[in-house]
């Protein structure tokens, strides 16, 4: 190859490299690129913390409601004709024995409250109140967005409270 052609090619290559090199020393817009990389990660972390907080709130609210219901049943007669079990379920779900008003957690019904007695039928040893079949509804449900139930972020909320039965004598 002729030396003049080689010289022209080398000059053009060096100009291209110098043209790219000018971006190396120019720092305008670097902050914008950094922000564009960091904001999605920060939003994801913020959303995860908020979702965990919502789940923890629902779990503690359900656990406190179950505790109130089991305390109510622990002091009532197990053989009485009064339906204390229904009153306790209303107390867990609505916060009152009449079952009026709105539930303490959205979507919770008395069907989500399970009451179990262990021991003898006249004087049980313990009473357990379980919250069953109640799910935490995520703000952003990944499974619904991707149409894949295996990736669902809806999680069961199932606290359980057991208390010793306080009445040691059957009612007459």
Foldseek 3Di string as FASTA:
>chain_A
DDPVVVVVVVVVVVVVVVVVVVVVPDPPCVVVVVCVVVVVVVVVVVLVVVQVVLLVVVLVLLQVLQVVLQVQQLADFLPDPDPSVQQSLLCSFPVGSVNDDHGPDPPDDSVQWDWDFDDDNRAGFKIKIKGPDDWDQRPDFPCVVVVHPVSGPIGDRIDMDMDTRDDPDGDD
